[in-house]
Amino acid sequence: MAQAAQINVLDLNCPIKVEHDRKRRQFTVRLNGSHDRAVLLYEYVGKRTVDLQHTEVPDAYRGRGIAKHLAKAAMDFVVEEDLKAHLTCWYIQNMKRTWKTTRNTCSQFTREGILSAAPL
């Protein structure tokens, strides 16, 4: 029997599913089955502060909004867990600038001290 071809959910306009692995401190999106993946890494840098360190999407999948989904999942986590976030990741720093101009949400996070791009 022939193996079924792996289906890329991004090609079928299916919703992007972000998984949160608290043990490994990362958010991931599986691409093309389970082989390729996009990832956002974070570390705790204090009891209630996380450093959103790095976002990586494989070249073949860039420009499809995957990193934005990872960033949103990370920010939802920060808010839901009542944490503060330090932004080492340049992509999320750029997202913060975009959010400031398009939404009040990021401005509110900054005023409340949830987001910080300042050195630790």
N, C-alpha and C. Protein backbone atom coordinates (compact mmCIF):
# COMPACT_ATOMS: atom_id res chain seq x y z
N MET A 1 0.85 -1.18 0.00
CA MET A 1 0.00 0.00 0.00
C MET A 1 0.89 1.24 0.00
N ALA A 2 0.58 2.20 -0.82
CA ALA A 2 1.37 3.43 -0.90
C ALA A 2 1.13 4.29 0.32
N GLN A 3 2.17 5.00 0.73
CA GLN A 3 2.03 5.91 1.87
C GLN A 3 1.27 7.15 1.43
N ALA A 4 0.45 7.64 2.31
CA ALA A 4 -0.27 8.88 2.02
C ALA A 4 0.71 10.04 2.08
N ALA A 5 0.59 10.95 1.15
CA ALA A 5 1.46 12.13 1.15
C ALA A 5 1.12 13.01 2.34
N GLN A 6 2.14 13.61 2.93
CA GLN A 6 1.89 14.52 4.04
C GLN A 6 1.25 15.79 3.50
N ILE A 7 0.25 16.25 4.19
CA ILE A 7 -0.46 17.44 3.76
C ILE A 7 0.00 18.61 4.62
N ASN A 8 0.34 19.68 3.96
CA ASN A 8 0.74 20.89 4.67
C ASN A 8 -0.52 21.69 4.97
N VAL A 9 -0.86 21.82 6.25
CA VAL A 9 -2.09 22.52 6.62
C VAL A 9 -2.10 23.96 6.13
N LEU A 10 -0.95 24.55 5.95
CA LEU A 10 -0.90 25.93 5.48
C LEU A 10 -1.40 26.04 4.04
N ASP A 11 -1.18 24.99 3.24
CA ASP A 11 -1.64 25.01 1.86
C ASP A 11 -3.15 24.83 1.75
N LEU A 12 -3.77 24.30 2.78
CA LEU A 12 -5.21 24.08 2.76
C LEU A 12 -5.99 25.19 3.46
N ASN A 13 -5.30 26.28 3.79
CA ASN A 13 -5.90 27.40 4.50
C ASN A 13 -6.54 26.97 5.82
N CYS A 14 -5.96 25.97 6.45
CA CYS A 14 -6.41 25.53 7.77
C CYS A 14 -5.83 26.48 8.80
N PRO A 15 -6.49 26.58 9.94
CA PRO A 15 -5.94 27.44 10.98
C PRO A 15 -4.58 26.93 11.45
N ILE A 16 -3.72 27.87 11.80
CA ILE A 16 -2.40 27.52 12.31
C ILE A 16 -2.54 27.19 13.78
N LYS A 17 -2.07 26.00 14.16
CA LYS A 17 -2.17 25.55 15.55
C LYS A 17 -0.82 25.75 16.24
N VAL A 18 -0.81 26.58 17.27
CA VAL A 18 0.39 26.82 18.05
C VAL A 18 0.34 25.94 19.29
N GLU A 19 1.41 25.20 19.52
CA GLU A 19 1.51 24.34 20.70
C GLU A 19 2.48 24.97 21.68
N HIS A 20 2.15 24.89 22.97
CA HIS A 20 3.00 25.46 24.02
C HIS A 20 3.61 24.31 24.82
N ASP A 21 4.92 24.21 24.79
CA ASP A 21 5.64 23.21 25.58
C ASP A 21 6.29 23.94 26.74
N ARG A 22 5.63 23.91 27.89
CA ARG A 22 6.13 24.64 29.06
C ARG A 22 7.45 24.07 29.57
N LYS A 23 7.63 22.77 29.45
CA LYS A 23 8.86 22.14 29.93
C LYS A 23 10.07 22.63 29.13
N ARG A 24 9.91 22.71 27.82
CA ARG A 24 11.00 23.17 26.96
C ARG A 24 11.00 24.68 26.78
N ARG A 25 9.99 25.33 27.32
CA ARG A 25 9.83 26.79 27.23
C ARG A 25 9.85 27.25 25.78
N GLN A 26 8.88 26.73 25.03
CA GLN A 26 8.79 27.11 23.63
C GLN A 26 7.37 26.97 23.10
N PHE A 27 7.09 27.78 22.10
CA PHE A 27 5.84 27.68 21.34
C PHE A 27 6.25 27.16 19.97
N THR A 28 5.48 26.22 19.42
CA THR A 28 5.82 25.66 18.12
C THR A 28 4.60 25.55 17.21
N VAL A 29 4.88 25.58 15.93
CA VAL A 29 3.88 25.28 14.90
C VAL A 29 4.51 24.19 14.05
N ARG A 30 3.83 23.06 13.96
CA ARG A 30 4.31 21.97 13.11
C ARG A 30 3.95 22.27 11.67
N LEU A 31 4.92 22.09 10.81
CA LEU A 31 4.75 22.39 9.39
C LEU A 31 5.02 21.11 8.60
N ASN A 32 4.24 20.87 7.58
CA ASN A 32 4.45 19.70 6.74
C ASN A 32 4.48 18.43 7.57
N GLY A 33 3.41 18.17 8.26
CA GLY A 33 3.37 17.02 9.15
C GLY A 33 4.12 17.34 10.43
N SER A 34 5.03 16.50 10.83
CA SER A 34 5.75 16.75 12.07
C SER A 34 7.24 17.00 11.86
N HIS A 35 7.70 17.05 10.61
CA HIS A 35 9.13 17.21 10.35
C HIS A 35 9.62 18.64 10.53
N ASP A 36 9.04 19.57 9.83
CA ASP A 36 9.44 20.98 9.93
C ASP A 36 8.63 21.65 11.02
N ARG A 37 9.23 22.66 11.64
CA ARG A 37 8.49 23.40 12.65
C ARG A 37 9.02 24.82 12.76
N ALA A 38 8.15 25.71 13.18
CA ALA A 38 8.51 27.07 13.53
C ALA A 38 8.50 27.13 15.05
N VAL A 39 9.33 27.98 15.62
CA VAL A 39 9.47 27.98 17.08
C VAL A 39 9.69 29.38 17.63
N LEU A 40 9.16 29.62 18.81
CA LEU A 40 9.46 30.81 19.59
C LEU A 40 9.97 30.32 20.94
N LEU A 41 11.18 30.72 21.30
CA LEU A 41 11.81 30.28 22.55
C LEU A 41 11.73 31.37 23.60
N TYR A 42 11.55 30.96 24.85
CA TYR A 42 11.55 31.92 25.96
C TYR A 42 12.22 31.30 27.17
N GLU A 43 12.62 32.15 28.10
CA GLU A 43 13.21 31.72 29.38
C GLU A 43 12.63 32.58 30.49
N TYR A 44 12.51 32.01 31.66
CA TYR A 44 12.16 32.81 32.83
C TYR A 44 13.42 33.52 33.29
N VAL A 45 13.33 34.81 33.52
CA VAL A 45 14.47 35.60 34.00
C VAL A 45 14.18 36.19 35.38
N GLY A 46 13.12 35.75 35.97
CA GLY A 46 12.69 36.15 37.30
C GLY A 46 11.44 35.36 37.62
N LYS A 47 10.94 35.53 38.83
CA LYS A 47 9.74 34.76 39.21
C LYS A 47 8.56 35.03 38.30
N ARG A 48 8.38 36.27 37.90
CA ARG A 48 7.20 36.65 37.12
C ARG A 48 7.56 37.32 35.80
N THR A 49 8.80 37.09 35.31
CA THR A 49 9.24 37.74 34.07
C THR A 49 9.81 36.69 33.12
N VAL A 50 9.35 36.75 31.87
CA VAL A 50 9.89 35.87 30.83
C VAL A 50 10.59 36.73 29.79
N ASP A 51 11.64 36.16 29.23
CA ASP A 51 12.37 36.80 28.14
C ASP A 51 11.98 36.06 26.86
N LEU A 52 11.28 36.75 25.97
CA LEU A 52 10.93 36.17 24.67
C LEU A 52 12.16 36.34 23.79
N GLN A 53 12.91 35.24 23.62
CA GLN A 53 14.27 35.31 23.11
C GLN A 53 14.42 35.21 21.60
N HIS A 54 13.71 34.30 20.98
CA HIS A 54 14.01 34.02 19.58
C HIS A 54 12.80 33.40 18.88
N THR A 55 12.54 33.86 17.67
CA THR A 55 11.50 33.28 16.83
C THR A 55 12.16 32.83 15.54
N GLU A 56 11.85 31.61 15.12
CA GLU A 56 12.45 31.10 13.89
C GLU A 56 11.41 30.34 13.08
N VAL A 57 11.32 30.72 11.81
CA VAL A 57 10.44 30.05 10.85
C VAL A 57 11.32 29.60 9.69
N PRO A 58 11.24 28.33 9.28
CA PRO A 58 12.04 27.87 8.14
C PRO A 58 11.80 28.74 6.91
N ASP A 59 12.86 28.95 6.13
CA ASP A 59 12.80 29.83 4.95
C ASP A 59 11.60 29.54 4.05
N ALA A 60 11.30 28.29 3.80
CA ALA A 60 10.22 27.92 2.88
C ALA A 60 8.84 28.36 3.38
N TYR A 61 8.73 28.69 4.65
CA TYR A 61 7.42 29.03 5.23
C TYR A 61 7.31 30.50 5.64
N ARG A 62 8.35 31.27 5.40
CA ARG A 62 8.33 32.68 5.80
C ARG A 62 7.33 33.48 4.97
N GLY A 63 6.85 34.56 5.56
CA GLY A 63 5.93 35.44 4.86
C GLY A 63 4.49 34.96 4.87
N ARG A 64 4.17 33.97 5.71
CA ARG A 64 2.82 33.42 5.77
C ARG A 64 2.11 33.73 7.09
N GLY A 65 2.74 34.56 7.93
CA GLY A 65 2.12 34.95 9.18
C GLY A 65 2.33 33.98 10.33
N ILE A 66 3.21 33.02 10.15
CA ILE A 66 3.42 32.00 11.19
C ILE A 66 4.06 32.62 12.43
N ALA A 67 5.08 33.46 12.23
CA ALA A 67 5.74 34.10 13.38
C ALA A 67 4.76 34.97 14.15
N LYS A 68 3.83 35.60 13.45
CA LYS A 68 2.82 36.43 14.12
C LYS A 68 1.95 35.58 15.04
N HIS A 69 1.60 34.37 14.59
CA HIS A 69 0.81 33.47 15.42
C HIS A 69 1.60 33.04 16.65
N LEU A 70 2.88 32.76 16.47
CA LEU A 70 3.73 32.40 17.61
C LEU A 70 3.81 33.57 18.61
N ALA A 71 4.01 34.78 18.10
CA ALA A 71 4.10 35.96 18.97
C ALA A 71 2.80 36.18 19.72
N LYS A 72 1.67 36.03 19.03
CA LYS A 72 0.38 36.23 19.70
C LYS A 72 0.18 35.19 20.80
N ALA A 73 0.54 33.94 20.54
CA ALA A 73 0.41 32.89 21.55
C ALA A 73 1.28 33.21 22.77
N ALA A 74 2.49 33.69 22.51
CA ALA A 74 3.39 34.04 23.62
C ALA A 74 2.82 35.20 24.43
N MET A 75 2.28 36.21 23.75
CA MET A 75 1.71 37.35 24.48
C MET A 75 0.45 36.94 25.25
N ASP A 76 -0.35 36.06 24.68
CA ASP A 76 -1.53 35.54 25.40
C ASP A 76 -1.08 34.82 26.67
N PHE A 77 -0.01 34.05 26.57
CA PHE A 77 0.55 33.34 27.72
C PHE A 77 0.99 34.34 28.80
N VAL A 78 1.68 35.38 28.39
CA VAL A 78 2.17 36.40 29.33
C VAL A 78 0.99 37.03 30.07
N VAL A 79 -0.05 37.36 29.35
CA VAL A 79 -1.22 38.00 29.96
C VAL A 79 -1.98 37.01 30.86
N GLU A 80 -2.23 35.81 30.35
CA GLU A 80 -2.99 34.82 31.12
C GLU A 80 -2.29 34.43 32.42
N GLU A 81 -0.96 34.38 32.40
CA GLU A 81 -0.20 33.99 33.59
C GLU A 81 0.20 35.18 34.45
N ASP A 82 -0.25 36.38 34.06
CA ASP A 82 0.04 37.62 34.80
C ASP A 82 1.56 37.81 34.94
N LEU A 83 2.27 37.67 33.80
CA LEU A 83 3.72 37.82 33.77
C LEU A 83 4.11 39.15 33.14
N LYS A 84 5.38 39.46 33.22
CA LYS A 84 5.95 40.55 32.47
C LYS A 84 6.87 39.93 31.43
N ALA A 85 7.05 40.63 30.31
CA ALA A 85 7.87 40.07 29.23
C ALA A 85 8.97 41.04 28.85
N HIS A 86 10.17 40.50 28.76
CA HIS A 86 11.31 41.21 28.19
C HIS A 86 11.43 40.72 26.75
N LEU A 87 11.68 41.63 25.82
CA LEU A 87 11.69 41.27 24.41
C LEU A 87 13.11 41.30 23.85
N THR A 88 13.78 40.17 23.86
CA THR A 88 15.09 40.06 23.22
C THR A 88 14.92 39.80 21.73
N CYS A 89 13.90 39.07 21.36
CA CYS A 89 13.65 38.71 19.96
C CYS A 89 13.36 39.95 19.12
N TRP A 90 14.15 40.15 18.06
CA TRP A 90 13.96 41.34 17.22
C TRP A 90 12.61 41.32 16.51
N TYR A 91 12.11 40.15 16.17
CA TYR A 91 10.82 40.08 15.49
C TYR A 91 9.71 40.59 16.40
N ILE A 92 9.72 40.17 17.65
CA ILE A 92 8.68 40.61 18.58
C ILE A 92 8.86 42.08 18.93
N GLN A 93 10.09 42.57 18.97
CA GLN A 93 10.31 44.01 19.16
C GLN A 93 9.66 44.79 18.02
N ASN A 94 9.83 44.30 16.78
CA ASN A 94 9.20 44.95 15.63
C ASN A 94 7.69 44.84 15.69
N MET A 95 7.18 43.69 16.14
CA MET A 95 5.73 43.52 16.30
C MET A 95 5.20 44.54 17.31
N LYS A 96 5.95 44.77 18.37
CA LYS A 96 5.53 45.73 19.39
C LYS A 96 5.37 47.12 18.76
N ARG A 97 6.31 47.50 17.91
CA ARG A 97 6.20 48.80 17.24
C ARG A 97 4.96 48.85 16.36
N THR A 98 4.69 47.76 15.64
CA THR A 98 3.52 47.69 14.78
C THR A 98 2.25 47.75 15.60
N TRP A 99 2.20 47.00 16.71
CA TRP A 99 1.02 47.01 17.56
C TRP A 99 0.77 48.40 18.12
N LYS A 100 1.82 49.13 18.44
CA LYS A 100 1.66 50.47 19.00
C LYS A 100 0.93 51.37 18.02
N THR A 101 1.21 51.20 16.72
CA THR A 101 0.60 52.08 15.73
C THR A 101 -0.77 51.60 15.28
N THR A 102 -1.07 50.31 15.47
CA THR A 102 -2.33 49.79 14.96
C THR A 102 -3.34 49.45 16.05
N ARG A 103 -2.88 49.25 17.27
CA ARG A 103 -3.78 48.85 18.35
C ARG A 103 -3.37 49.53 19.65
N ASN A 104 -4.30 49.61 20.55
CA ASN A 104 -3.99 50.13 21.88
C ASN A 104 -3.47 49.04 22.80
N THR A 105 -3.60 47.78 22.40
CA THR A 105 -3.24 46.66 23.26
C THR A 105 -1.79 46.73 23.71
N CYS A 106 -0.88 46.89 22.76
CA CYS A 106 0.54 46.90 23.11
C CYS A 106 0.87 48.13 23.94
N SER A 107 0.27 49.26 23.63
CA SER A 107 0.49 50.46 24.43
C SER A 107 0.04 50.21 25.87
N GLN A 108 -1.08 49.51 26.02
CA GLN A 108 -1.57 49.19 27.35
C GLN A 108 -0.59 48.26 28.06
N PHE A 109 -0.06 47.25 27.35
CA PHE A 109 0.92 46.34 27.94
C PHE A 109 2.15 47.13 28.41
N THR A 110 2.60 48.07 27.58
CA THR A 110 3.79 48.85 27.91
C THR A 110 3.52 49.74 29.13
N ARG A 111 2.36 50.39 29.17
CA ARG A 111 2.02 51.25 30.32
C ARG A 111 1.94 50.44 31.59
N GLU A 112 1.41 49.22 31.49
CA GLU A 112 1.25 48.40 32.67
C GLU A 112 2.54 47.67 33.04
N GLY A 113 3.59 47.86 32.27
CA GLY A 113 4.88 47.25 32.57
C GLY A 113 4.99 45.80 32.16
N ILE A 114 4.09 45.33 31.30
CA ILE A 114 4.13 43.92 30.88
C ILE A 114 5.23 43.71 29.85
N LEU A 115 5.43 44.66 28.94
CA LEU A 115 6.43 44.53 27.89
C LEU A 115 7.62 45.46 28.14
N SER A 116 8.80 44.95 27.88
CA SER A 116 10.01 45.75 28.01
C SER A 116 11.04 45.28 27.00
N ALA A 117 11.61 46.22 26.26
CA ALA A 117 12.69 45.88 25.34
C ALA A 117 14.02 46.39 25.89
N ALA A 118 14.01 46.91 27.10
CA ALA A 118 15.22 47.42 27.73
C ALA A 118 16.12 46.27 28.15
N PRO A 119 17.42 46.52 28.26
CA PRO A 119 18.33 45.45 28.71
C PRO A 119 17.95 44.94 30.09
N LEU A 120 18.19 43.66 30.30
CA LEU A 120 17.91 43.06 31.61
C LEU A 120 18.92 43.51 32.63
